[in-house]
Amino acid sequence: MNTYRPFSAPRTVRFADCDPAGIVFFPQYLVMLNTQVEQWFDDGLGIAYAGLIGARRVGLPTVRLEVDFTAVSRHGDALRLQLQPLQLGRTSMHVEHTFWGGEELRLRARQVLVCTSLETHRPQPWPEDIVAALQR
């Protein structure tokens, strides 16, 4: 059973997200996904992502990413992006992303983030405040 709370946020598809066919260009979905992780830290966990990366020198690189693109999104579409933490390890975290346009699933992704030191670029245990925020 998953004990972690999901985090959702709205996102409107912008002109800059789209290719000449008028649909979201697939790499832009990955930009949205990365932005969702940042917003989750800021708004969902209450931990400033910029401070984590900058002052604290904690990195969160993606080491695995599996994505299913299930339906197109067009300029102006209102999306709901959801991030669900699945598993927290000593140095890694598995999360699932789902992007919805109304009731239609547009994207499903599984991502593995690793907590690293930006000084050594080596894995390190998750900071206590992040573990505590996940367990709230």
C-alpha atoms as a PDB file:
ATOM      1  CA  MET A   1       0.000   0.000   0.000  1.00  0.00           C
ATOM      2  CA  ASN A   2       1.297   3.445  -0.951  1.00  0.00           C
ATOM      3  CA  THR A   3       1.601   5.752   2.062  1.00  0.00           C
ATOM      4  CA  TYR A   4       2.760   8.871   0.214  1.00  0.00           C
ATOM      5  CA  ARG A   5       0.396  11.666  -0.781  1.00  0.00           C
ATOM      6  CA  PRO A   6       0.005  12.495  -4.469  1.00  0.00           C
ATOM      7  CA  PHE A   7       0.644  16.044  -5.674  1.00  0.00           C
ATOM      8  CA  SER A   8      -1.439  17.611  -8.447  1.00  0.00           C
ATOM      9  CA  ALA A   9      -1.168  20.898 -10.272  1.00  0.00           C
ATOM     10  CA  PRO A  10      -2.874  22.414 -13.325  1.00  0.00           C
ATOM     11  CA  ARG A  11      -0.922  23.176 -16.481  1.00  0.00           C
ATOM     12  CA  THR A  12      -2.165  24.851 -19.649  1.00  0.00           C
ATOM     13  CA  VAL A  13      -0.548  23.745 -22.899  1.00  0.00           C
ATOM     14  CA  ARG A  14       1.201  26.794 -24.356  1.00  0.00           C
ATOM     15  CA  PHE A  15       2.089  27.645 -27.945  1.00  0.00           C
ATOM     16  CA  ALA A  16       5.785  27.066 -27.146  1.00  0.00           C
ATOM     17  CA  ASP A  17       4.946  23.477 -26.091  1.00  0.00           C
ATOM     18  CA  CYS A  18       3.652  22.548 -29.540  1.00  0.00           C
ATOM     19  CA  ASP A  19       5.174  21.371 -32.814  1.00  0.00           C
ATOM     20  CA  PRO A  20       4.005  22.520 -36.288  1.00  0.00           C
ATOM     21  CA  ALA A  21       1.223  19.903 -36.148  1.00  0.00           C
ATOM     22  CA  GLY A  22      -0.263  21.833 -33.191  1.00  0.00           C
ATOM     23  CA  ILE A  23       0.269  19.079 -30.619  1.00  0.00           C
ATOM     24  CA  VAL A  24       2.660  18.900 -27.679  1.00  0.00           C
ATOM     25  CA  PHE A  25       6.156  18.061 -28.949  1.00  0.00           C
ATOM     26  CA  PHE A  26       7.141  15.056 -26.840  1.00  0.00           C
ATOM     27  CA  PRO A  27      10.310  16.579 -25.253  1.00  0.00           C
ATOM     28  CA  GLN A  28       8.115  19.370 -23.890  1.00  0.00           C
ATOM     29  CA  TYR A  29       6.254  16.786 -21.824  1.00  0.00           C
ATOM     30  CA  LEU A  30       9.593  15.998 -20.150  1.00  0.00           C
ATOM     31  CA  VAL A  31      10.119  19.685 -19.392  1.00  0.00           C
ATOM     32  CA  MET A  32       6.640  19.691 -17.796  1.00  0.00           C
ATOM     33  CA  LEU A  33       7.570  16.575 -15.821  1.00  0.00           C
ATOM     34  CA  ASN A  34      10.749  18.176 -14.474  1.00  0.00           C
ATOM     35  CA  THR A  35       8.862  21.357 -13.610  1.00  0.00           C
ATOM     36  CA  GLN A  36       6.308  19.230 -11.762  1.00  0.00           C
ATOM     37  CA  VAL A  37       9.086  17.759  -9.576  1.00  0.00           C
ATOM     38  CA  GLU A  38      10.293  21.277  -8.721  1.00  0.00           C
ATOM     39  CA  GLN A  39       6.756  22.457  -7.947  1.00  0.00           C
ATOM     40  CA  TRP A  40       6.158  19.370  -5.788  1.00  0.00           C
ATOM     41  CA  PHE A  41       9.172  20.219  -3.635  1.00  0.00           C
ATOM     42  CA  ASP A  42       8.171  23.896  -3.381  1.00  0.00           C
ATOM     43  CA  ASP A  43       4.404  23.566  -2.912  1.00  0.00           C
ATOM     44  CA  GLY A  44       3.803  19.946  -1.921  1.00  0.00           C
ATOM     45  CA  LEU A  45       6.692  19.272   0.428  1.00  0.00           C
ATOM     46  CA  GLY A  46       7.351  22.867   1.510  1.00  0.00           C
ATOM     47  CA  ILE A  47      11.064  22.586   0.678  1.00  0.00           C
ATOM     48  CA  ALA A  48      12.486  25.225  -1.656  1.00  0.00           C
ATOM     49  CA  TYR A  49      13.870  23.386  -4.672  1.00  0.00           C
ATOM     50  CA  ALA A  50      16.108  26.327  -5.609  1.00  0.00           C
ATOM     51  CA  GLY A  51      17.590  26.292  -2.096  1.00  0.00           C
ATOM     52  CA  LEU A  52      18.074  22.539  -2.237  1.00  0.00           C
ATOM     53  CA  ILE A  53      20.059  22.771  -5.460  1.00  0.00           C
ATOM     54  CA  GLY A  54      21.752  26.125  -4.742  1.00  0.00           C
ATOM     55  CA  ALA A  55      22.622  26.693  -1.093  1.00  0.00           C
ATOM     56  CA  ARG A  56      22.348  23.081   0.082  1.00  0.00           C
ATOM     57  CA  ARG A  57      24.070  21.584  -3.006  1.00  0.00           C
ATOM     58  CA  VAL A  58      21.731  18.574  -3.121  1.00  0.00           C
ATOM     59  CA  GLY A  59      21.128  17.221  -6.610  1.00  0.00           C
ATOM     60  CA  LEU A  60      18.171  15.157  -7.777  1.00  0.00           C
ATOM     61  CA  PRO A  61      19.176  13.694 -11.133  1.00  0.00           C
ATOM     62  CA  THR A  62      16.889  11.357 -13.009  1.00  0.00           C
ATOM     63  CA  VAL A  63      18.605   8.007 -13.451  1.00  0.00           C
ATOM     64  CA  ARG A  64      15.684   6.154 -15.045  1.00  0.00           C
ATOM     65  CA  LEU A  65      12.688   7.374 -16.981  1.00  0.00           C
ATOM     66  CA  GLU A  66      10.035   5.308 -18.720  1.00  0.00           C
ATOM     67  CA  VAL A  67       7.275   7.190 -20.531  1.00  0.00           C
ATOM     68  CA  ASP A  68       4.064   6.173 -22.273  1.00  0.00           C
ATOM     69  CA  PHE A  69       2.463   8.854 -24.447  1.00  0.00           C
ATOM     70  CA  THR A  70      -1.183   7.802 -24.523  1.00  0.00           C
ATOM     71  CA  ALA A  71      -3.022  10.684 -26.231  1.00  0.00           C
ATOM     72  CA  VAL A  72      -2.203  14.022 -27.845  1.00  0.00           C
ATOM     73  CA  SER A  73      -2.507  17.391 -26.149  1.00  0.00           C
ATOM     74  CA  ARG A  74      -3.120  20.575 -28.108  1.00  0.00           C
ATOM     75  CA  HIS A  75      -2.425  24.259 -27.655  1.00  0.00           C
ATOM     76  CA  GLY A  76      -4.799  25.618 -25.004  1.00  0.00           C
ATOM     77  CA  ASP A  77      -5.640  22.264 -23.399  1.00  0.00           C
ATOM     78  CA  ALA A  78      -6.027  22.325 -19.630  1.00  0.00           C
ATOM     79  CA  LEU A  79      -4.014  19.497 -18.113  1.00  0.00           C
ATOM     80  CA  ARG A  80      -3.832  18.139 -14.581  1.00  0.00           C
ATOM     81  CA  LEU A  81      -0.355  16.866 -13.764  1.00  0.00           C
ATOM     82  CA  GLN A  82      -0.133  14.382 -10.921  1.00  0.00           C
ATOM     83  CA  LEU A  83       3.009  13.117  -9.195  1.00  0.00           C
ATOM     84  CA  GLN A  84       2.759  10.087  -6.935  1.00  0.00           C
ATOM     85  CA  PRO A  85       5.769   9.030  -4.838  1.00  0.00           C
ATOM     86  CA  LEU A  86       5.890   5.239  -4.913  1.00  0.00           C
ATOM     87  CA  GLN A  87       8.975   4.139  -3.020  1.00  0.00           C
ATOM     88  CA  LEU A  88      11.651   5.886  -0.984  1.00  0.00           C
ATOM     89  CA  GLY A  89      15.015   4.187  -0.653  1.00  0.00           C
ATOM     90  CA  ARG A  90      18.124   5.314   1.184  1.00  0.00           C
ATOM     91  CA  THR A  91      19.362   7.366  -1.798  1.00  0.00           C
ATOM     92  CA  SER A  92      16.686   6.962  -4.479  1.00  0.00           C
ATOM     93  CA  MET A  93      12.994   7.584  -4.961  1.00  0.00           C
ATOM     94  CA  HIS A  94      10.551   6.074  -7.457  1.00  0.00           C
ATOM     95  CA  VAL A  95       7.721   8.334  -8.601  1.00  0.00           C
ATOM     96  CA  GLU A  96       4.893   8.009 -11.089  1.00  0.00           C
ATOM     97  CA  HIS A  97       3.603  10.906 -13.164  1.00  0.00           C
ATOM     98  CA  THR A  98       0.227  11.019 -14.866  1.00  0.00           C
ATOM     99  CA  PHE A  99      -0.932  13.897 -17.049  1.00  0.00           C
ATOM    100  CA  TRP A 100      -4.676  14.165 -17.598  1.00  0.00           C
ATOM    101  CA  GLY A 101      -6.790  16.173 -20.016  1.00  0.00           C
ATOM    102  CA  GLY A 102     -10.173  15.904 -18.317  1.00  0.00           C
ATOM    103  CA  GLU A 103     -10.681  12.171 -17.847  1.00  0.00           C
ATOM    104  CA  GLU A 104      -8.291  11.229 -20.657  1.00  0.00           C
ATOM    105  CA  LEU A 105      -4.815  10.038 -19.726  1.00  0.00           C
ATOM    106  CA  ARG A 106      -2.271  11.845 -21.895  1.00  0.00           C
ATOM    107  CA  LEU A 107       0.998  10.595 -20.365  1.00  0.00           C
ATOM    108  CA  ARG A 108       2.186   8.097 -17.786  1.00  0.00           C
ATOM    109  CA  ALA A 109       5.817   8.063 -16.653  1.00  0.00           C
ATOM    110  CA  ARG A 110       7.867   6.227 -14.075  1.00  0.00           C
ATOM    111  CA  GLN A 111      10.921   8.088 -12.859  1.00  0.00           C
ATOM    112  CA  VAL A 112      13.758   7.256 -10.501  1.00  0.00           C
ATOM    113  CA  LEU A 113      15.428  10.216  -8.797  1.00  0.00           C
ATOM    114  CA  VAL A 114      18.686   9.866  -6.886  1.00  0.00           C
ATOM    115  CA  CYS A 115      19.755  12.171  -4.086  1.00  0.00           C
ATOM    116  CA  THR A 116      23.324  13.299  -4.771  1.00  0.00           C
ATOM    117  CA  SER A 117      25.913  15.710  -3.491  1.00  0.00           C
ATOM    118  CA  LEU A 118      26.544  18.413  -6.067  1.00  0.00           C
ATOM    119  CA  GLU A 119      30.091  18.634  -4.729  1.00  0.00           C
ATOM    120  CA  THR A 120      31.015  14.981  -5.322  1.00  0.00           C
ATOM    121  CA  HIS A 121      28.226  13.918  -7.737  1.00  0.00           C
ATOM    122  CA  ARG A 122      27.872  10.740  -5.686  1.00  0.00           C
ATOM    123  CA  PRO A 123      24.664   9.361  -4.156  1.00  0.00           C
ATOM    124  CA  GLN A 124      23.933  10.394  -0.574  1.00  0.00           C
ATOM    125  CA  PRO A 125      21.110   9.640   1.879  1.00  0.00           C
ATOM    126  CA  TRP A 126      17.994  11.778   1.630  1.00  0.00           C
ATOM    127  CA  PRO A 127      18.091  14.800   3.951  1.00  0.00           C
ATOM    128  CA  GLU A 128      15.964  14.336   7.073  1.00  0.00           C
ATOM    129  CA  ASP A 129      13.623  17.219   6.211  1.00  0.00           C
ATOM    130  CA  ILE A 130      12.721  15.617   2.889  1.00  0.00           C
ATOM    131  CA  VAL A 131      12.037  12.239   4.525  1.00  0.00           C
ATOM    132  CA  ALA A 132       9.905  13.984   7.178  1.00  0.00           C
ATOM    133  CA  ALA A 133       7.973  15.961   4.551  1.00  0.00           C
ATOM    134  CA  LEU A 134       7.222  12.782   2.602  1.00  0.00           C
ATOM    135  CA  GLN A 135       5.958  11.070   5.757  1.00  0.00           C
ATOM    136  CA  ARG A 136       3.593  13.904   6.743  1.00  0.00           C
END
